[in-house]
Amino acid sequence: MKAIDASPRASSHLKTLQRVGYTLNTAISDIIDNSITAKATEINIFFDTQNVVLKILDNGIGMSKSELEKNMVIGCKDPLDKREKSDLGRFGSGMKMASFSQTHKLSVITRKQNSDNSGIFYDVDEIYESDKWVMHELEKEELTDTAFDQNYKSGTLVIWKNLIKYKNKDSDDIVSEMGADVKDLENHIALHFHKFLEGPRAIKICINNLEIKPANPFFQDRKGYQYVGKEEALTGGGRITVKAHIIPHHDYMTKAEIDSFGGLEKIENGQGIYIYREKRLIQYGGWMGLQPRFSIAKLARVEVEVPSTLDHE
């Protein structure tokens, strides 16, 4: 039997990965996942309107040069391998896929404590042209970044240049659109990562040095909140926790609080099931086909926490 090489063309493979369905918010969220996995306590996202660049900087444990080279390969993880509970990745493709959906030029600079910086650069246009998965080691003079080098002993910096979203737009439109995107991203992170942003072990996530405050969809620290109860289900892959909440009536909320959640209508339409994977909110609102929304349940929320050990299910 003759073996035939069926390896996909790099250019076609890349175009497929770029169309997985990321938005700017979900792409950045995947980078934040990596930072949390790297034990970061501070994550700062910088929007540069003048140079049309986005940077995501964390103070995590960083990577050695060899670790960086390994982790920058597409699909560097076996999804069946056992991982630490805090490891939010699965296939080893999230950061690259998320980045390629938003930019044609990806750089990653990283440093372990008491070590030198190392960096890798991907150029999407080069992959299209050469039809090969090619990445480059950054030169010494390309490994410096003021915010990174001055503020952190270790960590990782992800840089997106030539952002696709703002391509062929004039400077005024870029400033306006980036401003709207910053606000939208702030609301997205405040909700989807609220469990990481609150409590005694909270981490700090900022956009352009402004700290994001958590938006807890259950309003647990507000007057009028009711905790209904908890159930747990043990499976072969881990423990699923289900909690029921009744959020406060809007009479107990300030106008600023209501506005921060998108208005009263959005709050009341938020009834339903909220699914978390390792503390990150991944799906919410509505009853997932179990029943339609109805007025008597407009204050009801069901929180479902699923461990990453059940990913294969």
C-alpha atoms as a PDB file:
ATOM      1  CA  MET A   1       0.000   0.000   0.000  1.00  0.00           C
ATOM      2  CA  LYS A   2       1.507   3.304  -1.086  1.00  0.00           C
ATOM      3  CA  ALA A   3       1.419   6.169   1.429  1.00  0.00           C
ATOM      4  CA  ILE A   4       0.404   9.570   0.093  1.00  0.00           C
ATOM      5  CA  ASP A   5       1.250  12.802   1.919  1.00  0.00           C
ATOM      6  CA  ALA A   6      -2.072  14.431   2.829  1.00  0.00           C
ATOM      7  CA  SER A   7      -0.655  17.383   4.784  1.00  0.00           C
ATOM      8  CA  PRO A   8      -2.795  20.494   4.236  1.00  0.00           C
ATOM      9  CA  ARG A   9      -1.326  23.490   2.451  1.00  0.00           C
ATOM     10  CA  ALA A  10      -0.223  26.019   5.046  1.00  0.00           C
ATOM     11  CA  SER A  11      -1.963  28.941   3.289  1.00  0.00           C
ATOM     12  CA  SER A  12      -5.289  27.099   3.035  1.00  0.00           C
ATOM     13  CA  HIS A  13      -4.982  25.776   6.590  1.00  0.00           C
ATOM     14  CA  LEU A  14      -4.362  29.297   7.888  1.00  0.00           C
ATOM     15  CA  LYS A  15      -7.345  30.736   6.011  1.00  0.00           C
ATOM     16  CA  THR A  16      -9.519  28.033   7.573  1.00  0.00           C
ATOM     17  CA  LEU A  17      -8.246  28.860  11.077  1.00  0.00           C
ATOM     18  CA  GLN A  18      -8.894  32.565  10.497  1.00  0.00           C
ATOM     19  CA  ARG A  19     -12.579  31.835   9.909  1.00  0.00           C
ATOM     20  CA  VAL A  20     -13.290  29.888  13.080  1.00  0.00           C
ATOM     21  CA  GLY A  21     -15.569  32.696  14.262  1.00  0.00           C
ATOM     22  CA  TYR A  22     -13.613  34.903  16.644  1.00  0.00           C
ATOM     23  CA  THR A  23     -14.697  38.445  17.418  1.00  0.00           C
ATOM     24  CA  LEU A  24     -12.267  41.003  18.810  1.00  0.00           C
ATOM     25  CA  ASN A  25     -13.682  40.354  22.305  1.00  0.00           C
ATOM     26  CA  THR A  26     -13.457  36.556  22.163  1.00  0.00           C
ATOM     27  CA  ALA A  27      -9.987  36.688  20.588  1.00  0.00           C
ATOM     28  CA  ILE A  28      -8.665  38.895  23.394  1.00  0.00           C
ATOM     29  CA  SER A  29     -10.432  36.637  25.917  1.00  0.00           C
ATOM     30  CA  ASP A  30      -8.402  33.669  24.663  1.00  0.00           C
ATOM     31  CA  ILE A  31      -5.186  35.623  25.272  1.00  0.00           C
ATOM     32  CA  ILE A  32      -6.438  36.470  28.777  1.00  0.00           C
ATOM     33  CA  ASP A  33      -7.024  32.732  29.335  1.00  0.00           C
ATOM     34  CA  ASN A  34      -3.344  32.121  28.574  1.00  0.00           C
ATOM     35  CA  SER A  35      -2.317  34.843  31.014  1.00  0.00           C
ATOM     36  CA  ILE A  36      -4.474  33.353  33.773  1.00  0.00           C
ATOM     37  CA  THR A  37      -2.999  29.910  33.078  1.00  0.00           C
ATOM     38  CA  ALA A  38       0.452  31.511  33.428  1.00  0.00           C
ATOM     39  CA  LYS A  39      -0.539  32.659  36.961  1.00  0.00           C
ATOM     40  CA  ALA A  40      -0.706  36.343  36.044  1.00  0.00           C
ATOM     41  CA  THR A  41      -2.105  38.691  38.687  1.00  0.00           C
ATOM     42  CA  GLU A  42      -2.040  41.726  36.371  1.00  0.00           C
ATOM     43  CA  ILE A  43      -3.092  41.896  32.714  1.00  0.00           C
ATOM     44  CA  ASN A  44      -3.032  45.161  30.763  1.00  0.00           C
ATOM     45  CA  ILE A  45      -4.493  45.646  27.286  1.00  0.00           C
ATOM     46  CA  PHE A  46      -3.259  48.639  25.298  1.00  0.00           C
ATOM     47  CA  PHE A  47      -5.025  50.126  22.256  1.00  0.00           C
ATOM     48  CA  ASP A  48      -2.689  52.336  20.197  1.00  0.00           C
ATOM     49  CA  THR A  49      -4.816  54.390  17.789  1.00  0.00           C
ATOM     50  CA  GLN A  50      -1.838  56.149  16.215  1.00  0.00           C
ATOM     51  CA  ASN A  51       0.023  53.008  15.149  1.00  0.00           C
ATOM     52  CA  VAL A  52      -3.066  50.743  14.974  1.00  0.00           C
ATOM     53  CA  VAL A  53      -1.499  48.253  17.368  1.00  0.00           C
ATOM     54  CA  LEU A  54      -2.956  46.232  20.201  1.00  0.00           C
ATOM     55  CA  LYS A  55      -0.810  44.867  23.034  1.00  0.00           C
ATOM     56  CA  ILE A  56      -1.725  42.424  25.799  1.00  0.00           C
ATOM     57  CA  LEU A  57       0.786  42.341  28.643  1.00  0.00           C
ATOM     58  CA  ASP A  58       0.807  40.111  31.718  1.00  0.00           C
ATOM     59  CA  ASN A  59       3.046  39.476  34.735  1.00  0.00           C
ATOM     60  CA  GLY A  60       2.733  35.691  34.615  1.00  0.00           C
ATOM     61  CA  ILE A  61       5.569  33.200  34.911  1.00  0.00           C
ATOM     62  CA  GLY A  62       6.618  33.702  31.298  1.00  0.00           C
ATOM     63  CA  MET A  63       8.383  31.183  29.071  1.00  0.00           C
ATOM     64  CA  SER A  64      11.929  30.186  28.299  1.00  0.00           C
ATOM     65  CA  LYS A  65      13.134  30.427  24.713  1.00  0.00           C
ATOM     66  CA  SER A  66      12.573  26.713  24.110  1.00  0.00           C
ATOM     67  CA  GLU A  67       9.104  26.818  25.738  1.00  0.00           C
ATOM     68  CA  LEU A  68       8.128  29.770  23.574  1.00  0.00           C
ATOM     69  CA  GLU A  69       9.240  28.062  20.366  1.00  0.00           C
ATOM     70  CA  LYS A  70       7.275  24.934  21.305  1.00  0.00           C
ATOM     71  CA  ASN A  71       4.132  26.840  22.306  1.00  0.00           C
ATOM     72  CA  MET A  72       4.103  28.983  19.159  1.00  0.00           C
ATOM     73  CA  VAL A  73       3.553  25.900  16.978  1.00  0.00           C
ATOM     74  CA  ILE A  74      -0.077  25.384  15.919  1.00  0.00           C
ATOM     75  CA  GLY A  75      -1.680  22.494  17.823  1.00  0.00           C
ATOM     76  CA  CYS A  76       1.201  22.105  20.268  1.00  0.00           C
ATOM     77  CA  LYS A  77      -0.979  20.301  22.848  1.00  0.00           C
ATOM     78  CA  ASP A  78      -2.633  16.897  22.834  1.00  0.00           C
ATOM     79  CA  PRO A  79      -6.253  17.565  23.932  1.00  0.00           C
ATOM     80  CA  LEU A  80      -6.291  14.205  25.724  1.00  0.00           C
ATOM     81  CA  ASP A  81      -3.275  15.035  27.905  1.00  0.00           C
ATOM     82  CA  LYS A  82      -3.950  15.627  31.583  1.00  0.00           C
ATOM     83  CA  ARG A  83      -3.565  19.295  32.474  1.00  0.00           C
ATOM     84  CA  GLU A  84      -3.489  21.412  35.590  1.00  0.00           C
ATOM     85  CA  LYS A  85      -6.908  22.604  36.761  1.00  0.00           C
ATOM     86  CA  SER A  86      -5.914  26.213  36.050  1.00  0.00           C
ATOM     87  CA  ASP A  87      -4.893  25.418  32.446  1.00  0.00           C
ATOM     88  CA  LEU A  88      -7.700  26.881  30.320  1.00  0.00           C
ATOM     89  CA  GLY A  89      -6.176  25.745  27.014  1.00  0.00           C
ATOM     90  CA  ARG A  90      -6.873  22.475  25.292  1.00  0.00           C
ATOM     91  CA  PHE A  91      -5.423  22.166  21.786  1.00  0.00           C
ATOM     92  CA  GLY A  92      -2.493  24.585  21.976  1.00  0.00           C
ATOM     93  CA  SER A  93      -3.950  26.673  19.147  1.00  0.00           C
ATOM     94  CA  GLY A  94      -6.108  29.268  20.918  1.00  0.00           C
ATOM     95  CA  MET A  95      -3.635  32.138  21.135  1.00  0.00           C
ATOM     96  CA  LYS A  96      -2.428  31.709  17.551  1.00  0.00           C
ATOM     97  CA  MET A  97      -5.907  31.209  16.064  1.00  0.00           C
ATOM     98  CA  ALA A  98      -7.293  34.135  18.049  1.00  0.00           C
ATOM     99  CA  SER A  99      -4.407  36.340  16.911  1.00  0.00           C
ATOM    100  CA  PHE A 100      -4.550  35.345  13.242  1.00  0.00           C
ATOM    101  CA  SER A 101      -8.271  36.159  13.204  1.00  0.00           C
ATOM    102  CA  GLN A 102      -7.428  39.772  14.107  1.00  0.00           C
ATOM    103  CA  THR A 103      -3.977  40.554  12.732  1.00  0.00           C
ATOM    104  CA  HIS A 104      -1.503  39.721   9.981  1.00  0.00           C
ATOM    105  CA  LYS A 105       1.538  40.395  12.164  1.00  0.00           C
ATOM    106  CA  LEU A 106       1.839  38.613  15.515  1.00  0.00           C
ATOM    107  CA  SER A 107       4.761  39.025  17.907  1.00  0.00           C
ATOM    108  CA  VAL A 108       5.143  37.364  21.295  1.00  0.00           C
ATOM    109  CA  ILE A 109       7.842  38.500  23.726  1.00  0.00           C
ATOM    110  CA  THR A 110       8.299  36.647  26.994  1.00  0.00           C
ATOM    111  CA  ARG A 111      10.631  36.356  29.955  1.00  0.00           C
ATOM    112  CA  LYS A 112      11.022  34.049  32.922  1.00  0.00           C
ATOM    113  CA  GLN A 113      12.289  35.578  36.149  1.00  0.00           C
ATOM    114  CA  ASN A 114      16.064  36.193  36.110  1.00  0.00           C
ATOM    115  CA  SER A 115      16.216  35.382  32.379  1.00  0.00           C
ATOM    116  CA  ASP A 116      16.527  37.369  29.159  1.00  0.00           C
ATOM    117  CA  ASN A 117      13.681  38.221  26.832  1.00  0.00           C
ATOM    118  CA  SER A 118      12.927  35.936  23.911  1.00  0.00           C
ATOM    119  CA  GLY A 119      10.472  36.459  21.098  1.00  0.00           C
ATOM    120  CA  ILE A 120       8.773  34.930  18.066  1.00  0.00           C
ATOM    121  CA  PHE A 121       7.186  36.681  15.084  1.00  0.00           C
ATOM    122  CA  TYR A 122       4.571  35.411  12.614  1.00  0.00           C
ATOM    123  CA  ASP A 123       3.747  37.192   9.342  1.00  0.00           C
ATOM    124  CA  VAL A 124       0.471  35.922   7.872  1.00  0.00           C
ATOM    125  CA  ASP A 125       1.246  37.376   4.439  1.00  0.00           C
ATOM    126  CA  GLU A 126       4.537  35.449   4.364  1.00  0.00           C
ATOM    127  CA  ILE A 127       2.684  32.196   5.108  1.00  0.00           C
ATOM    128  CA  TYR A 128       0.238  32.931   2.283  1.00  0.00           C
ATOM    129  CA  GLU A 129       3.095  33.591  -0.133  1.00  0.00           C
ATOM    130  CA  SER A 130       5.464  30.774   0.862  1.00  0.00           C
ATOM    131  CA  ASP A 131       2.682  28.266   1.626  1.00  0.00           C
ATOM    132  CA  LYS A 132       4.718  27.130   4.643  1.00  0.00           C
ATOM    133  CA  TRP A 133       4.253  27.470   8.384  1.00  0.00           C
ATOM    134  CA  VAL A 134       7.154  29.829   9.068  1.00  0.00           C
ATOM    135  CA  MET A 135       7.884  31.809  12.218  1.00  0.00           C
ATOM    136  CA  HIS A 136      10.908  33.942  13.049  1.00  0.00           C
ATOM    137  CA  GLU A 137      13.005  34.471  16.149  1.00  0.00           C
ATOM    138  CA  LEU A 138      13.029  38.150  17.040  1.00  0.00           C
ATOM    139  CA  GLU A 139      16.393  39.911  17.022  1.00  0.00           C
ATOM    140  CA  LYS A 140      17.803  41.382  20.245  1.00  0.00           C
ATOM    141  CA  GLU A 141      16.853  44.947  19.320  1.00  0.00           C
ATOM    142  CA  GLU A 142      13.246  43.817  18.695  1.00  0.00           C
ATOM    143  CA  LEU A 143      12.860  42.328  22.182  1.00  0.00           C
ATOM    144  CA  THR A 144      12.493  45.565  24.127  1.00  0.00           C
ATOM    145  CA  ASP A 145       9.237  47.113  25.276  1.00  0.00           C
ATOM    146  CA  THR A 146       9.177  49.918  27.838  1.00  0.00           C
ATOM    147  CA  ALA A 147       6.038  48.850  29.720  1.00  0.00           C
ATOM    148  CA  PHE A 148       7.161  45.214  29.835  1.00  0.00           C
ATOM    149  CA  ASP A 149      10.806  45.764  30.737  1.00  0.00           C
ATOM    150  CA  GLN A 150      10.224  48.414  33.408  1.00  0.00           C
ATOM    151  CA  ASN A 151       7.262  46.942  35.262  1.00  0.00           C
ATOM    152  CA  TYR A 152       7.594  43.154  35.353  1.00  0.00           C
ATOM    153  CA  LYS A 153      10.228  40.646  36.437  1.00  0.00           C
ATOM    154  CA  SER A 154       8.542  37.985  34.312  1.00  0.00           C
ATOM    155  CA  GLY A 155       5.594  37.783  31.957  1.00  0.00           C
ATOM    156  CA  THR A 156       4.448  37.720  28.350  1.00  0.00           C
ATOM    157  CA  LEU A 157       3.614  40.426  25.836  1.00  0.00           C
ATOM    158  CA  VAL A 158       1.404  39.695  22.801  1.00  0.00           C
ATOM    159  CA  ILE A 159       1.526  42.308  20.038  1.00  0.00           C
ATOM    160  CA  TRP A 160      -0.955  42.577  17.157  1.00  0.00           C
ATOM    161  CA  LYS A 161       0.093  44.888  14.319  1.00  0.00           C
ATOM    162  CA  ASN A 162      -1.800  45.618  11.092  1.00  0.00           C
ATOM    163  CA  LEU A 163      -5.129  44.917  12.760  1.00  0.00           C
ATOM    164  CA  ILE A 164      -7.581  43.627  10.140  1.00  0.00           C
ATOM    165  CA  LYS A 165     -10.567  45.328  11.781  1.00  0.00           C
ATOM    166  CA  TYR A 166      -9.236  48.827  11.090  1.00  0.00           C
ATOM    167  CA  LYS A 167      -7.696  48.204   7.679  1.00  0.00           C
ATOM    168  CA  ASN A 168      -8.214  50.910   5.032  1.00  0.00           C
ATOM    169  CA  LYS A 169      -9.839  53.329   7.517  1.00  0.00           C
ATOM    170  CA  ASP A 170      -8.761  56.906   8.075  1.00  0.00           C
ATOM    171  CA  SER A 171      -7.336  58.067  11.391  1.00  0.00           C
ATOM    172  CA  ASP A 172     -10.563  59.680  12.634  1.00  0.00           C
ATOM    173  CA  ASP A 173     -12.577  56.528  11.985  1.00  0.00           C
ATOM    174  CA  ILE A 174      -9.923  54.413  13.714  1.00  0.00           C
ATOM    175  CA  VAL A 175     -10.007  56.614  16.830  1.00  0.00           C
ATOM    176  CA  SER A 176     -13.802  56.518  16.930  1.00  0.00           C
ATOM    177  CA  GLU A 177     -14.107  52.778  16.298  1.00  0.00           C
ATOM    178  CA  MET A 178     -11.337  51.852  18.728  1.00  0.00           C
ATOM    179  CA  GLY A 179     -13.021  53.964  21.399  1.00  0.00           C
ATOM    180  CA  ALA A 180     -16.266  52.036  20.926  1.00  0.00           C
ATOM    181  CA  ASP A 181     -14.377  48.732  20.895  1.00  0.00           C
ATOM    182  CA  VAL A 182     -12.619  49.606  24.166  1.00  0.00           C
ATOM    183  CA  LYS A 183     -15.950  50.191  25.888  1.00  0.00           C
ATOM    184  CA  ASP A 184     -17.451  47.018  24.450  1.00  0.00           C
ATOM    185  CA  LEU A 185     -14.394  44.993  25.499  1.00  0.00           C
ATOM    186  CA  GLU A 186     -14.535  46.454  29.005  1.00  0.00           C
ATOM    187  CA  ASN A 187     -18.142  45.288  29.403  1.00  0.00           C
ATOM    188  CA  HIS A 188     -17.288  41.876  27.946  1.00  0.00           C
ATOM    189  CA  ILE A 189     -14.374  41.269  30.319  1.00  0.00           C
ATOM    190  CA  ALA A 190     -16.284  42.646  33.323  1.00  0.00           C
ATOM    191  CA  LEU A 191     -18.987  40.007  32.794  1.00  0.00           C
ATOM    192  CA  HIS A 192     -17.187  36.972  31.360  1.00  0.00           C
ATOM    193  CA  PHE A 193     -14.229  37.180  33.761  1.00  0.00           C
ATOM    194  CA  HIS A 194     -16.088  38.564  36.781  1.00  0.00           C
ATOM    195  CA  LYS A 195     -15.146  35.551  38.937  1.00  0.00           C
ATOM    196  CA  PHE A 196     -11.468  36.351  38.379  1.00  0.00           C
ATOM    197  CA  LEU A 197     -11.969  40.053  39.116  1.00  0.00           C
ATOM    198  CA  GLU A 198     -13.714  39.651  42.482  1.00  0.00           C
ATOM    199  CA  GLY A 199     -12.939  38.041  45.822  1.00  0.00           C
ATOM    200  CA  PRO A 200      -9.808  37.812  47.985  1.00  0.00           C
ATOM    201  CA  ARG A 201      -7.681  36.311  45.171  1.00  0.00           C
ATOM    202  CA  ALA A 202      -8.843  38.692  42.473  1.00  0.00           C
ATOM    203  CA  ILE A 203      -6.574  39.492  39.555  1.00  0.00           C
ATOM    204  CA  LYS A 204      -6.318  42.919  37.948  1.00  0.00           C
ATOM    205  CA  ILE A 205      -7.270  43.430  34.302  1.00  0.00           C
ATOM    206  CA  CYS A 206      -6.850  46.897  32.779  1.00  0.00           C
ATOM    207  CA  ILE A 207      -7.437  48.573  29.434  1.00  0.00           C
ATOM    208  CA  ASN A 208      -4.960  51.393  28.839  1.00  0.00           C
ATOM    209  CA  ASN A 209      -4.091  51.290  32.573  1.00  0.00           C
ATOM    210  CA  LEU A 210      -7.732  51.714  33.689  1.00  0.00           C
ATOM    211  CA  GLU A 211      -8.832  48.836  35.914  1.00  0.00           C
ATOM    212  CA  ILE A 212     -11.969  46.903  34.938  1.00  0.00           C
ATOM    213  CA  LYS A 213     -14.519  46.330  37.692  1.00  0.00           C
ATOM    214  CA  PRO A 214     -16.407  43.009  37.800  1.00  0.00           C
ATOM    215  CA  ALA A 215     -20.022  42.795  36.595  1.00  0.00           C
ATOM    216  CA  ASN A 216     -21.517  39.949  38.631  1.00  0.00           C
ATOM    217  CA  PRO A 217     -24.723  38.847  36.810  1.00  0.00           C
ATOM    218  CA  PHE A 218     -26.195  37.483  40.063  1.00  0.00           C
ATOM    219  CA  PHE A 219     -25.809  40.786  41.986  1.00  0.00           C
ATOM    220  CA  GLN A 220     -24.791  38.751  45.055  1.00  0.00           C
ATOM    221  CA  ASP A 221     -23.562  41.745  47.047  1.00  0.00           C
ATOM    222  CA  ARG A 222     -26.725  43.786  46.468  1.00  0.00           C
ATOM    223  CA  LYS A 223     -29.686  44.234  48.792  1.00  0.00           C
ATOM    224  CA  GLY A 224     -32.593  42.048  47.698  1.00  0.00           C
ATOM    225  CA  TYR A 225     -30.455  39.194  46.356  1.00  0.00           C
ATOM    226  CA  GLN A 226     -31.663  35.678  47.262  1.00  0.00           C
ATOM    227  CA  TYR A 227     -29.591  32.504  47.201  1.00  0.00           C
ATOM    228  CA  VAL A 228     -31.881  29.567  46.386  1.00  0.00           C
ATOM    229  CA  GLY A 229     -29.519  26.619  46.808  1.00  0.00           C
ATOM    230  CA  LYS A 230     -26.874  24.347  45.309  1.00  0.00           C
ATOM    231  CA  GLU A 231     -26.715  20.870  43.805  1.00  0.00           C
ATOM    232  CA  GLU A 232     -23.674  18.892  42.689  1.00  0.00           C
ATOM    233  CA  ALA A 233     -23.286  16.057  40.227  1.00  0.00           C
ATOM    234  CA  LEU A 234     -20.244  13.791  40.225  1.00  0.00           C
ATOM    235  CA  THR A 235     -19.193  12.398  36.855  1.00  0.00           C
ATOM    236  CA  GLY A 236     -16.234  10.378  35.673  1.00  0.00           C
ATOM    237  CA  GLY A 237     -14.596  13.588  34.501  1.00  0.00           C
ATOM    238  CA  GLY A 238     -15.242  15.802  37.500  1.00  0.00           C
ATOM    239  CA  ARG A 239     -17.795  17.667  39.549  1.00  0.00           C
ATOM    240  CA  ILE A 240     -20.542  19.835  38.024  1.00  0.00           C
ATOM    241  CA  THR A 241     -21.952  22.459  40.393  1.00  0.00           C
ATOM    242  CA  VAL A 242     -25.368  24.050  39.910  1.00  0.00           C
ATOM    243  CA  LYS A 243     -26.489  27.076  41.926  1.00  0.00           C
ATOM    244  CA  ALA A 244     -29.774  28.982  41.733  1.00  0.00           C
ATOM    245  CA  HIS A 245     -30.071  32.739  42.313  1.00  0.00           C
ATOM    246  CA  ILE A 246     -32.803  35.353  42.423  1.00  0.00           C
ATOM    247  CA  ILE A 247     -31.366  38.745  41.521  1.00  0.00           C
ATOM    248  CA  PRO A 248     -32.633  41.902  43.256  1.00  0.00           C
ATOM    249  CA  HIS A 249     -35.587  43.812  41.884  1.00  0.00           C
ATOM    250  CA  HIS A 250     -34.463  46.913  40.006  1.00  0.00           C
ATOM    251  CA  ASP A 251     -35.808  49.077  42.827  1.00  0.00           C
ATOM    252  CA  TYR A 252     -32.718  47.983  44.806  1.00  0.00           C
ATOM    253  CA  MET A 253     -30.327  49.074  42.034  1.00  0.00           C
ATOM    254  CA  THR A 254     -28.971  52.501  41.231  1.00  0.00           C
ATOM    255  CA  LYS A 255     -29.317  53.921  37.743  1.00  0.00           C
ATOM    256  CA  ALA A 256     -25.546  53.619  37.306  1.00  0.00           C
ATOM    257  CA  GLU A 257     -25.675  49.900  38.166  1.00  0.00           C
ATOM    258  CA  ILE A 258     -28.561  49.323  35.761  1.00  0.00           C
ATOM    259  CA  ASP A 259     -26.729  51.204  32.996  1.00  0.00           C
ATOM    260  CA  SER A 260     -23.514  49.233  33.616  1.00  0.00           C
ATOM    261  CA  PHE A 261     -25.396  46.035  32.767  1.00  0.00           C
ATOM    262  CA  GLY A 262     -26.855  47.484  29.575  1.00  0.00           C
ATOM    263  CA  GLY A 263     -30.164  48.729  30.915  1.00  0.00           C
ATOM    264  CA  LEU A 264     -33.185  47.288  32.665  1.00  0.00           C
ATOM    265  CA  GLU A 265     -34.473  45.383  29.622  1.00  0.00           C
ATOM    266  CA  LYS A 266     -31.172  43.610  29.142  1.00  0.00           C
ATOM    267  CA  ILE A 267     -31.018  42.675  32.832  1.00  0.00           C
ATOM    268  CA  GLU A 268     -34.518  41.184  32.786  1.00  0.00           C
ATOM    269  CA  ASN A 269     -33.845  39.393  29.492  1.00  0.00           C
ATOM    270  CA  GLY A 270     -30.779  37.847  31.145  1.00  0.00           C
ATOM    271  CA  GLN A 271     -32.900  35.256  32.909  1.00  0.00           C
ATOM    272  CA  GLY A 272     -31.804  31.676  32.418  1.00  0.00           C
ATOM    273  CA  ILE A 273     -28.724  29.465  32.561  1.00  0.00           C
ATOM    274  CA  TYR A 274     -25.147  30.758  32.967  1.00  0.00           C
ATOM    275  CA  ILE A 275     -22.465  28.213  32.090  1.00  0.00           C
ATOM    276  CA  TYR A 276     -18.905  28.624  33.376  1.00  0.00           C
ATOM    277  CA  ARG A 277     -15.841  26.649  32.393  1.00  0.00           C
ATOM    278  CA  GLU A 278     -13.141  26.952  35.066  1.00  0.00           C
ATOM    279  CA  LYS A 279     -14.714  30.248  36.271  1.00  0.00           C
ATOM    280  CA  ARG A 280     -14.912  31.873  32.795  1.00  0.00           C
ATOM    281  CA  LEU A 281     -18.456  32.562  31.591  1.00  0.00           C
ATOM    282  CA  ILE A 282     -18.827  30.885  28.186  1.00  0.00           C
ATOM    283  CA  GLN A 283     -22.588  30.941  27.564  1.00  0.00           C
ATOM    284  CA  TYR A 284     -25.496  32.684  29.242  1.00  0.00           C
ATOM    285  CA  GLY A 285     -29.078  33.865  28.984  1.00  0.00           C
ATOM    286  CA  GLY A 286     -32.182  31.915  28.041  1.00  0.00           C
ATOM    287  CA  TRP A 287     -33.128  28.412  29.107  1.00  0.00           C
ATOM    288  CA  MET A 288     -31.334  26.517  26.305  1.00  0.00           C
ATOM    289  CA  GLY A 289     -34.491  25.038  24.896  1.00  0.00           C
ATOM    290  CA  LEU A 290     -35.797  23.752  28.229  1.00  0.00           C
ATOM    291  CA  GLN A 291     -38.468  26.450  28.247  1.00  0.00           C
ATOM    292  CA  PRO A 292     -39.037  29.910  26.752  1.00  0.00           C
ATOM    293  CA  ARG A 293     -38.362  33.113  28.637  1.00  0.00           C
ATOM    294  CA  PHE A 294     -41.302  34.121  30.790  1.00  0.00           C
ATOM    295  CA  SER A 295     -42.039  37.165  32.927  1.00  0.00           C
ATOM    296  CA  ILE A 296     -42.305  35.393  36.285  1.00  0.00           C
ATOM    297  CA  ALA A 297     -38.712  34.161  35.906  1.00  0.00           C
ATOM    298  CA  LYS A 298     -37.139  37.463  34.854  1.00  0.00           C
ATOM    299  CA  LEU A 299     -35.091  37.588  38.070  1.00  0.00           C
ATOM    300  CA  ALA A 300     -34.045  33.904  37.979  1.00  0.00           C
ATOM    301  CA  ARG A 301     -30.500  32.814  37.204  1.00  0.00           C
ATOM    302  CA  VAL A 302     -29.054  29.277  37.232  1.00  0.00           C
ATOM    303  CA  GLU A 303     -25.250  29.080  37.512  1.00  0.00           C
ATOM    304  CA  VAL A 304     -23.584  25.934  36.133  1.00  0.00           C
ATOM    305  CA  GLU A 305     -19.846  25.410  36.748  1.00  0.00           C
ATOM    306  CA  VAL A 306     -18.234  22.788  34.496  1.00  0.00           C
ATOM    307  CA  PRO A 307     -14.576  21.695  34.930  1.00  0.00           C
ATOM    308  CA  SER A 308     -12.182  21.593  31.977  1.00  0.00           C
ATOM    309  CA  THR A 309     -11.766  17.864  32.626  1.00  0.00           C
ATOM    310  CA  LEU A 310     -15.115  17.424  30.869  1.00  0.00           C
ATOM    311  CA  ASP A 311     -13.964  19.132  27.652  1.00  0.00           C
ATOM    312  CA  HIS A 312     -13.943  15.852  25.745  1.00  0.00           C
ATOM    313  CA  GLU A 313     -17.644  15.406  26.533  1.00  0.00           C
END
